[in-house]
Protein backbone atom coordinates (compact mmCIF):
# COMPACT_ATOMS: atom_id res chain seq x y z
CA MET A 1 0.04 -0.07 -0.20
CA ARG A 2 1.01 3.71 -0.74
CA VAL A 3 -0.13 6.78 0.67
CA LEU A 4 -0.49 9.66 -1.79
CA ALA A 5 -1.32 13.34 -1.15
CA ALA A 6 -1.89 16.05 -3.72
CA SER A 7 -2.55 19.71 -3.32
CA PHE A 8 -5.47 21.25 -5.63
CA PRO A 9 -5.98 24.85 -6.54
CA ASP A 10 -9.87 24.34 -5.46
CA ASP A 11 -11.94 22.34 -3.40
CA ALA A 12 -14.18 21.28 -6.44
CA SER A 13 -11.44 20.03 -8.48
CA ALA A 14 -9.98 17.83 -5.39
CA ARG A 15 -13.57 16.18 -4.81
CA SER A 16 -13.86 15.61 -8.52
CA ALA A 17 -10.38 13.61 -8.43
CA ARG A 18 -11.82 11.67 -5.31
CA SER A 19 -15.00 10.79 -6.89
CA ARG A 20 -13.01 9.65 -9.94
CA LEU A 21 -10.53 7.48 -7.85
CA ILE A 22 -13.16 6.05 -6.00
CA ARG A 23 -15.36 5.09 -9.21
CA ASP A 24 -12.45 3.91 -11.40
CA PHE A 25 -10.77 1.84 -8.87
CA ASP A 26 -13.56 0.72 -7.01
CA LEU A 27 -12.14 1.99 -3.84
CA ASP A 28 -13.98 2.48 -0.29
CA ASP A 29 -14.84 6.06 0.07
CA ARG A 30 -13.04 6.01 3.68
CA GLN A 31 -9.86 5.21 1.77
CA ILE A 32 -9.58 8.95 0.37
CA GLY A 33 -10.28 12.34 1.91
CA VAL A 34 -10.28 15.99 0.65
CA GLU A 35 -9.63 18.83 3.26
CA ALA A 36 -9.18 22.57 3.03
CA LEU A 37 -5.56 23.70 3.14
CA ALA A 38 -4.74 26.20 5.96
CA HIS A 39 -4.49 29.55 4.62
CA GLY A 40 -2.84 32.71 6.20
CA ARG A 41 -3.85 36.43 5.29
CA ARG A 42 -5.01 35.46 2.03
CA LEU A 43 -8.47 33.52 1.34
CA SER A 44 -7.71 30.38 -0.54
CA ASP A 45 -9.82 27.45 -1.80
CA MET A 46 -7.02 25.33 -1.97
CA ALA A 47 -7.46 21.86 -1.01
CA ILE A 48 -5.49 18.65 -0.27
CA LEU A 49 -6.57 15.05 -1.26
CA ALA A 50 -4.79 12.10 0.51
CA GLY A 51 -5.54 8.33 0.27
CA ARG A 52 -4.20 5.00 0.45
CA PHE A 53 -3.80 3.10 -2.80
CA GLN A 54 -2.78 -0.57 -3.71
CA ASP A 55 0.91 -0.58 -5.26
CA SER A 56 -0.76 -2.12 -8.42
CA ILE A 57 -2.89 1.08 -9.18
CA VAL A 58 -0.37 3.87 -7.89
CA ALA A 59 0.57 4.76 -11.49
CA ALA A 60 -3.04 4.98 -12.52
CA ALA A 61 -3.92 6.92 -9.65
CA ARG A 62 -1.19 9.31 -9.90
CA ALA A 63 -2.46 9.98 -13.50
CA VAL A 64 -6.02 10.71 -12.45
CA VAL A 65 -4.54 13.41 -9.72
CA GLU A 66 -2.54 15.22 -12.39
CA GLN A 67 -5.36 15.04 -15.28
CA SER A 68 -7.55 16.47 -12.56
CA GLY A 69 -5.19 19.48 -11.81
CA GLY A 70 -3.67 18.16 -8.66
CA THR A 71 -0.07 18.53 -7.74
CA LEU A 72 1.37 15.41 -6.09
CA VAL A 73 3.07 16.19 -2.80
CA ILE A 74 3.40 12.85 -0.99
CA ASP A 75 4.10 9.29 -2.43
CA ILE A 76 5.17 7.01 0.54
CA ASP A 77 4.55 3.47 1.35
CA ASP A 78 2.15 2.89 4.59
CA ARG A 79 5.26 2.25 6.73
CA GLY A 80 6.43 6.09 5.99
CA ARG A 81 9.27 5.47 3.15
CA ASN A 82 9.46 7.83 0.54
CA ALA A 83 9.02 6.59 -3.31
């Protein structure tokens, strides 16, 4: 298992990517979450998507994230080792 996290320019694109990942890979919706990124003085609608994925679908999941406008920021195995 791998943990992937990606930033998105807005909540809507992050949620759209989440829906597509769940649908395309038949994932349990508890495996992937979306949260707003903390912001300072400027208002921001940026969001982060994070989830756990089987090794066999990681490359395809990364492609979905990128096609949806996300920027991958974390790719580690579920024991905390970087890719």
